[in-house]
Amino acid sequence: GAPQGPPKFSDASKVVAKGLGLSKGFVGQKNSFTVDCSKAGNNMLLVGVQGPRNPCEEIVVKHLGNQLYNVGYLLRERGDYVLVVKWGEQHVPNSPFRVSVP
């Protein structure tokens, strides 16, 4: 087999997620937040939103460069949502987030 390189460094606790979309959402419009993974090493950003009855209609994750991501999501119904942000296998700080949609 090929020689194994050193394990890739990944630390989800160094991920910084911020923005209104982590705590509040609005029906029928894009809700968004940013996730800065620049200090968290090498991994995949995974985002999921689960609603009271249905999953979120659409989630768009854009990489803005330098491990900075912008996440937008679209909701079709009111209620309380659970928003999960993971860096690889691990939750980032404060995930899962509770999003209330009036």
Protein backbone atom coordinates (compact mmCIF):
# COMPACT_ATOMS: atom_id res chain seq x y z
CA GLY A 1 0.00 0.00 0.00
CA ALA A 2 0.92 3.64 -0.30
CA PRO A 3 2.79 5.12 2.65
CA GLN A 4 0.48 6.74 5.14
CA GLY A 5 1.12 10.43 5.70
CA PRO A 6 0.68 11.98 9.12
CA PRO A 7 -2.95 12.09 10.24
CA LYS A 8 -4.71 15.22 9.10
CA PHE A 9 -5.18 17.72 11.86
CA SER A 10 -8.80 18.55 12.59
CA ASP A 11 -10.24 20.35 15.59
CA ALA A 12 -13.96 21.15 15.49
CA SER A 13 -13.69 23.23 18.67
CA LYS A 14 -11.79 25.86 16.66
CA VAL A 15 -14.64 26.39 14.22
CA VAL A 16 -16.45 29.73 14.62
CA ALA A 17 -20.06 29.88 13.44
CA LYS A 18 -21.87 33.19 13.60
CA GLY A 19 -24.83 35.00 12.15
CA LEU A 20 -28.52 35.60 12.67
CA GLY A 21 -29.45 32.36 10.93
CA LEU A 22 -28.10 30.33 13.84
CA SER A 23 -30.82 31.51 16.19
CA LYS A 24 -33.65 32.98 14.13
CA GLY A 25 -35.20 32.04 10.82
CA PHE A 26 -37.89 33.48 8.60
CA VAL A 27 -40.30 31.61 6.37
CA GLY A 28 -39.82 31.95 2.62
CA GLN A 29 -36.55 33.83 2.66
CA LYS A 30 -32.90 32.93 2.77
CA ASN A 31 -31.56 32.71 6.29
CA SER A 32 -27.81 32.74 6.50
CA PHE A 33 -24.76 32.49 8.70
CA THR A 34 -21.01 32.17 8.25
CA VAL A 35 -18.68 29.42 9.41
CA ASP A 36 -14.99 30.12 9.79
CA CYS A 37 -12.97 26.89 9.73
CA SER A 38 -9.60 28.47 8.99
CA LYS A 39 -8.12 27.44 12.34
CA ALA A 40 -9.80 24.03 12.49
CA GLY A 41 -7.49 22.06 10.24
CA ASN A 42 -8.60 19.83 7.41
CA ASN A 43 -12.10 18.41 7.18
CA MET A 44 -15.53 18.66 5.61
CA LEU A 45 -18.20 21.09 6.70
CA LEU A 46 -21.56 19.35 7.11
CA VAL A 47 -24.77 21.27 7.69
CA GLY A 48 -28.23 19.90 8.35
CA VAL A 49 -31.53 21.50 9.29
CA GLN A 50 -34.43 19.48 10.67
CA GLY A 51 -37.87 21.05 11.00
CA PRO A 52 -40.91 20.30 13.13
CA ARG A 53 -42.40 18.14 10.37
CA ASN A 54 -40.22 18.32 7.29
CA PRO A 55 -36.54 18.76 6.60
CA CYS A 56 -35.33 22.09 5.33
CA GLU A 57 -36.15 22.72 1.69
CA GLU A 58 -32.75 23.93 0.58
CA ILE A 59 -29.30 24.40 2.09
CA VAL A 60 -26.55 26.11 0.14
CA VAL A 61 -22.99 26.01 1.40
CA LYS A 62 -20.57 28.34 -0.38
CA HIS A 63 -16.84 28.27 0.18
CA LEU A 64 -15.62 31.88 0.13
CA GLY A 65 -11.94 30.95 0.23
CA ASN A 66 -9.54 30.40 3.10
CA GLN A 67 -11.88 27.89 4.78
CA LEU A 68 -14.57 30.55 5.29
CA TYR A 69 -18.06 29.35 4.40
CA ASN A 70 -21.38 31.07 3.93
CA VAL A 71 -24.44 28.93 4.56
CA GLY A 72 -27.92 29.87 3.40
CA TYR A 73 -31.09 27.88 3.96
CA LEU A 74 -34.72 28.22 3.00
CA LEU A 75 -37.65 27.32 5.27
CA ARG A 76 -41.26 26.75 4.30
CA GLU A 77 -42.93 26.49 7.71
CA ARG A 78 -42.96 28.07 11.14
CA GLY A 79 -41.82 26.27 14.23
CA ASP A 80 -38.68 25.21 15.99
CA TYR A 81 -35.83 23.84 13.95
CA VAL A 82 -32.66 22.04 14.88
CA LEU A 83 -29.60 23.15 12.95
CA VAL A 84 -26.52 20.95 13.08
CA VAL A 85 -23.07 22.11 12.02
CA LYS A 86 -20.31 19.53 12.01
CA TRP A 87 -16.68 19.64 11.05
CA GLY A 88 -16.09 16.09 9.94
CA GLU A 89 -17.48 13.82 12.64
CA GLN A 90 -17.61 16.40 15.40
CA HIS A 91 -20.12 19.10 16.26
CA VAL A 92 -18.78 22.64 16.23
CA PRO A 93 -19.21 24.68 19.44
CA ASN A 94 -22.90 25.26 20.33
CA SER A 95 -24.16 22.78 17.73
CA PRO A 96 -26.92 21.66 17.51
CA PHE A 97 -28.38 25.17 17.31
CA ARG A 98 -32.04 25.83 18.06
CA VAL A 99 -33.66 28.06 15.48
CA SER A 100 -37.09 29.50 16.17
CA VAL A 101 -39.17 30.56 13.19
CA PRO A 102 -42.03 32.91 14.12
